Amino acid sequence: MEQIDITFPCNDGHPMRGVLTLPAGSSSSAPRPGLILIYEILGLNEEMRRVARDLAAEGYAVLIPDVFDRGLKFVCVAGAIRSMMKGEGQLIDDLEAGRRYLASRPEVDGERLGVVGFCMGGGFALLLAMSGRYQVAAPFYGQVPDEMPLSCPVVASYGGKDKPLIGAAEKLRGHLERLGVDHDIKTYEDAGHSFFTRPIGFVATKIGPMLPMHVAHHEGAANDSRERMLAFLKKHLG
């Protein structure tokens, strides 16, 4: 397996940083399916790199675009929230530039692309699911758009203790059922927000569980949602 720091050109010429993780033997094998991984609001940290390595071990080429690469983090976070609310903006454009870069790699089959997102990234994964450029989306505890006129197949996971997102799974299921789109949506009643990832730092481990979102890792939910995601990705990306 190879995990390297890269840059790719955005629409305005900005060289955006990112992390590309390739499965072992990619240079000598047929092109692999690719995944864009959109990180949590905590940013590009070792936990997101670990998740990318885990997915690469399953045969996927994974790109994490560092979408907080345009300045001070709090400014980038504010811009991300605006983009999510509007469904358009700089961050959406940067993610599309990342998709083009990933699709252009010789190790990647550009016709077999998926998007995986966590927390903030889960919301963006659902926005990109409507772009017509992905074959599958895997949001984890992502904000659900009020309207979804189209979508690729979706495998989504939510925590029942995540109070701000109560009802999100049902809302998403309603959208996808109306569209007749293949989906696998599950709520883990004993889990809260960020149940998939492993906590980093004092705030995440000590303060997170006391918040209304009940931010905490949940081993059972993490393992089950991982298996569901991998099965769904294999179904739609091969």
Protein backbone atom coordinates (compact mmCIF):
# COMPACT_ATOMS: atom_id res chain seq x y z
CA MET A 1 0.00 0.00 0.00
CA GLU A 2 1.16 3.53 -0.76
CA GLN A 3 -0.04 6.69 1.01
CA ILE A 4 1.40 9.93 -0.33
CA ASP A 5 0.82 13.66 0.06
CA ILE A 6 -0.10 15.22 -3.28
CA THR A 7 -1.47 18.44 -4.75
CA PHE A 8 -4.06 18.82 -7.49
CA PRO A 9 -5.16 21.92 -9.44
CA CYS A 10 -8.46 23.56 -8.54
CA ASN A 11 -10.57 25.52 -11.01
CA ASP A 12 -8.93 28.82 -10.02
CA GLY A 13 -5.42 27.36 -10.20
CA HIS A 14 -5.01 26.87 -6.46
CA PRO A 15 -2.79 23.83 -5.81
CA MET A 16 -4.87 21.99 -3.21
CA ARG A 17 -3.17 19.53 -0.94
CA GLY A 18 -4.50 16.06 -0.40
CA VAL A 19 -3.63 12.52 0.55
CA LEU A 20 -3.73 9.74 -2.02
CA THR A 21 -3.79 6.14 -0.82
CA LEU A 22 -3.29 3.37 -3.36
CA PRO A 23 -3.73 -0.38 -2.84
CA ALA A 24 -0.69 -2.61 -3.06
CA GLY A 25 0.18 -3.53 -6.64
CA SER A 26 -1.82 -0.68 -8.20
CA SER A 27 0.89 0.20 -10.70
CA SER A 28 0.91 -3.28 -12.21
CA SER A 29 -2.80 -4.16 -12.08
CA ALA A 30 -5.95 -3.11 -13.90
CA PRO A 31 -7.37 0.28 -12.87
CA ARG A 32 -9.16 0.20 -9.51
CA PRO A 33 -12.39 1.86 -8.42
CA GLY A 34 -11.77 5.18 -6.69
CA LEU A 35 -13.19 6.91 -3.64
CA ILE A 36 -13.24 10.55 -2.61
CA LEU A 37 -13.10 10.67 1.19
CA ILE A 38 -14.41 13.87 2.79
CA TYR A 39 -13.24 14.36 6.33
CA GLU A 40 -14.93 15.42 9.53
CA ILE A 41 -14.93 19.02 10.71
CA LEU A 42 -11.75 18.19 12.65
CA GLY A 43 -9.88 18.21 9.34
CA LEU A 44 -7.22 16.05 7.76
CA ASN A 45 -5.77 14.11 10.68
CA GLU A 46 -4.24 10.69 11.27
CA GLU A 47 -7.64 9.12 11.86
CA MET A 48 -8.82 10.09 8.37
CA ARG A 49 -5.56 8.74 6.96
CA ARG A 50 -6.20 5.48 8.80
CA VAL A 51 -9.68 5.20 7.31
CA ALA A 52 -8.20 5.78 3.85
CA ARG A 53 -5.66 3.00 4.43
CA ASP A 54 -8.43 0.67 5.56
CA LEU A 55 -10.39 1.33 2.37
CA ALA A 56 -7.28 0.95 0.21
CA ALA A 57 -6.68 -2.45 1.80
CA GLU A 58 -10.05 -3.42 0.35
CA GLY A 59 -8.87 -2.50 -3.16
CA TYR A 60 -9.94 1.14 -3.54
CA ALA A 61 -7.81 4.11 -4.55
CA VAL A 62 -8.70 6.82 -2.04
CA LEU A 63 -8.21 10.58 -2.28
CA ILE A 64 -8.74 12.87 0.71
CA PRO A 65 -8.87 16.45 -0.61
CA ASP A 66 -7.70 18.86 2.09
CA VAL A 67 -10.61 21.25 1.64
CA PHE A 68 -9.43 23.39 4.59
CA ASP A 69 -6.31 24.24 2.59
CA ARG A 70 -7.35 27.75 1.56
CA GLY A 71 -6.57 29.68 4.73
CA LEU A 72 -7.36 29.83 8.43
CA LYS A 73 -9.36 26.82 9.55
CA PHE A 74 -12.26 28.77 11.08
CA VAL A 75 -12.67 30.71 7.83
CA CYS A 76 -12.66 27.47 5.84
CA VAL A 77 -15.21 25.90 8.21
CA ALA A 78 -17.51 28.91 7.79
CA GLY A 79 -17.18 28.63 4.03
CA ALA A 80 -17.94 24.92 4.19
CA ILE A 81 -21.15 25.57 6.13
CA ARG A 82 -22.23 28.15 3.55
CA SER A 83 -21.50 25.74 0.70
CA MET A 84 -23.48 22.99 2.40
CA MET A 85 -26.50 25.24 2.99
CA LYS A 86 -26.49 26.52 -0.60
CA GLY A 87 -25.45 23.27 -2.27
CA GLU A 88 -22.81 25.15 -4.21
CA GLY A 89 -19.68 27.20 -3.65
CA GLN A 90 -15.90 26.98 -3.43
CA LEU A 91 -15.77 23.74 -1.48
CA ILE A 92 -18.08 21.97 -3.92
CA ASP A 93 -15.89 23.20 -6.79
CA ASP A 94 -12.75 21.99 -5.01
CA LEU A 95 -14.26 18.55 -4.44
CA GLU A 96 -15.08 18.33 -8.14
CA ALA A 97 -11.46 19.22 -8.95
CA GLY A 98 -10.41 16.40 -6.63
CA ARG A 99 -12.73 14.00 -8.43
CA ARG A 100 -11.25 14.94 -11.79
CA TYR A 101 -7.74 14.42 -10.44
CA LEU A 102 -8.60 11.02 -9.01
CA ALA A 103 -10.33 9.94 -12.23
CA SER A 104 -7.27 10.98 -14.25
CA ARG A 105 -4.87 8.77 -12.31
CA PRO A 106 -3.70 5.73 -14.33
CA GLU A 107 -4.35 3.48 -11.31
CA VAL A 108 -8.03 4.50 -11.23
CA ASP A 109 -11.06 3.55 -13.32
CA GLY A 110 -12.76 6.94 -13.70
CA GLU A 111 -16.09 5.28 -14.47
CA ARG A 112 -16.20 3.60 -11.04
CA LEU A 113 -16.13 6.34 -8.44
CA GLY A 114 -17.73 6.67 -5.05
CA VAL A 115 -17.77 9.26 -2.28
CA VAL A 116 -17.45 8.56 1.45
CA GLY A 117 -17.99 11.28 4.05
CA PHE A 118 -18.06 11.69 7.81
CA CYS A 119 -19.92 14.34 9.82
CA MET A 120 -19.53 17.49 7.69
CA GLY A 121 -18.20 15.23 4.96
CA GLY A 122 -21.33 13.09 5.17
CA GLY A 123 -23.44 16.10 4.25
CA PHE A 124 -21.22 16.86 1.29
CA ALA A 125 -21.30 13.21 0.22
CA LEU A 126 -25.09 13.52 -0.14
CA LEU A 127 -24.73 16.73 -2.14
CA LEU A 128 -22.27 15.01 -4.47
CA ALA A 129 -24.62 12.02 -4.74
CA MET A 130 -26.90 14.36 -6.69
CA SER A 131 -24.19 15.48 -9.13
CA GLY A 132 -24.48 12.51 -11.51
CA ARG A 133 -20.71 11.99 -11.32
CA TYR A 134 -20.59 9.18 -8.74
CA GLN A 135 -21.83 5.61 -8.81
CA VAL A 136 -22.32 5.35 -5.04
CA ALA A 137 -22.25 7.50 -1.89
CA ALA A 138 -21.55 6.45 1.70
CA PRO A 139 -22.40 9.23 4.18
CA PHE A 140 -21.89 8.75 7.90
CA TYR A 141 -24.14 10.94 10.09
CA GLY A 142 -24.48 13.51 7.32
CA GLN A 143 -26.94 16.40 7.09
CA VAL A 144 -29.73 15.50 4.64
CA PRO A 145 -30.77 18.02 1.94
CA ASP A 146 -34.39 19.18 2.01
CA GLU A 147 -34.76 18.15 -1.62
CA MET A 148 -33.04 15.45 -3.67
CA PRO A 149 -34.18 15.57 -7.31
CA LEU A 150 -31.77 12.73 -8.18
CA SER A 151 -29.20 10.55 -6.47
CA CYS A 152 -26.81 7.70 -6.99
CA PRO A 153 -27.21 4.64 -4.72
CA VAL A 154 -26.58 5.47 -1.06
CA VAL A 155 -25.44 3.49 2.00
CA ALA A 156 -25.89 5.70 5.07
CA SER A 157 -25.34 5.27 8.80
CA TYR A 158 -26.63 7.32 11.73
CA GLY A 159 -26.51 7.22 15.53
CA GLY A 160 -29.73 7.12 17.49
CA LYS A 161 -28.23 9.25 20.28
CA ASP A 162 -27.17 12.00 17.85
CA LYS A 163 -29.96 14.44 18.80
CA PRO A 164 -29.34 17.13 16.13
CA LEU A 165 -29.75 14.46 13.43
CA ILE A 166 -32.79 12.66 14.82
CA GLY A 167 -35.07 11.95 11.86
CA ALA A 168 -32.29 12.37 9.28
CA ALA A 169 -32.23 8.67 8.36
CA GLU A 170 -35.99 8.62 7.79
CA LYS A 171 -35.79 11.82 5.75
CA LEU A 172 -33.07 10.38 3.53
CA ARG A 173 -34.92 7.10 3.15
CA GLY A 174 -38.00 9.00 2.02
CA HIS A 175 -36.03 10.87 -0.65
CA LEU A 176 -34.45 7.70 -2.03
CA GLU A 177 -37.65 5.68 -1.98
CA ARG A 178 -39.40 8.40 -4.00
CA LEU A 179 -36.54 8.31 -6.49
CA GLY A 180 -36.51 4.51 -6.65
CA VAL A 181 -32.77 4.51 -5.87
CA ASP A 182 -31.03 1.54 -4.27
CA HIS A 183 -30.16 2.32 -0.66
CA ASP A 184 -29.14 0.84 2.68
CA ILE A 185 -29.85 3.17 5.60
CA LYS A 186 -29.43 2.17 9.22
CA THR A 187 -29.66 3.91 12.58
CA TYR A 188 -27.60 2.48 15.46
CA GLU A 189 -29.75 3.28 18.47
CA ASP A 190 -26.97 2.94 21.07
CA ALA A 191 -24.49 5.08 19.14
CA GLY A 192 -24.06 8.84 18.81
CA HIS A 193 -22.26 11.14 16.42
CA SER A 194 -18.82 10.16 15.10
CA PHE A 195 -19.32 6.55 16.18
CA PHE A 196 -17.22 5.26 13.27
CA THR A 197 -13.98 7.09 13.92
CA ARG A 198 -11.67 6.70 16.88
CA PRO A 199 -11.51 9.76 19.17
CA ILE A 200 -8.40 11.93 19.20
CA GLY A 201 -7.61 14.38 22.01
CA PHE A 202 -9.13 15.43 25.32
CA VAL A 203 -12.17 17.24 23.89
CA ALA A 204 -13.22 14.25 21.78
CA THR A 205 -12.76 11.67 24.53
CA LYS A 206 -13.97 13.59 27.58
CA ILE A 207 -16.28 16.36 26.38
CA GLY A 208 -17.76 14.77 23.25
CA PRO A 209 -19.89 12.13 25.00
CA MET A 210 -21.56 14.83 27.12
CA LEU A 211 -22.72 16.90 24.14
CA PRO A 212 -26.23 16.58 22.63
CA MET A 213 -24.59 14.83 19.67
CA HIS A 214 -23.10 12.26 22.06
CA VAL A 215 -19.79 12.22 20.20
CA ALA A 216 -18.13 8.88 20.93
CA HIS A 217 -16.70 5.85 19.18
CA HIS A 218 -18.98 2.80 19.24
CA GLU A 219 -17.18 -0.39 18.29
CA GLY A 220 -20.27 -2.42 17.37
CA ALA A 221 -21.79 0.31 15.20
CA ALA A 222 -18.42 1.03 13.59
CA ASN A 223 -17.83 -2.60 12.66
CA ASP A 224 -21.33 -3.22 11.36
CA SER A 225 -21.49 0.01 9.34
CA ARG A 226 -18.07 -0.75 7.85
CA GLU A 227 -19.24 -4.16 6.62
CA ARG A 228 -22.45 -2.68 5.20
CA MET A 229 -20.49 0.04 3.44
CA LEU A 230 -17.99 -2.39 1.93
CA ALA A 231 -20.73 -4.70 0.69
CA PHE A 232 -22.60 -1.79 -0.90
CA LEU A 233 -19.44 -0.37 -2.49
CA LYS A 234 -18.61 -3.78 -3.95
CA LYS A 235 -22.15 -4.10 -5.30
CA HIS A 236 -22.03 -0.78 -7.14
CA LEU A 237 -18.33 -0.38 -7.97
CA GLY A 238 -17.31 -4.01 -8.40
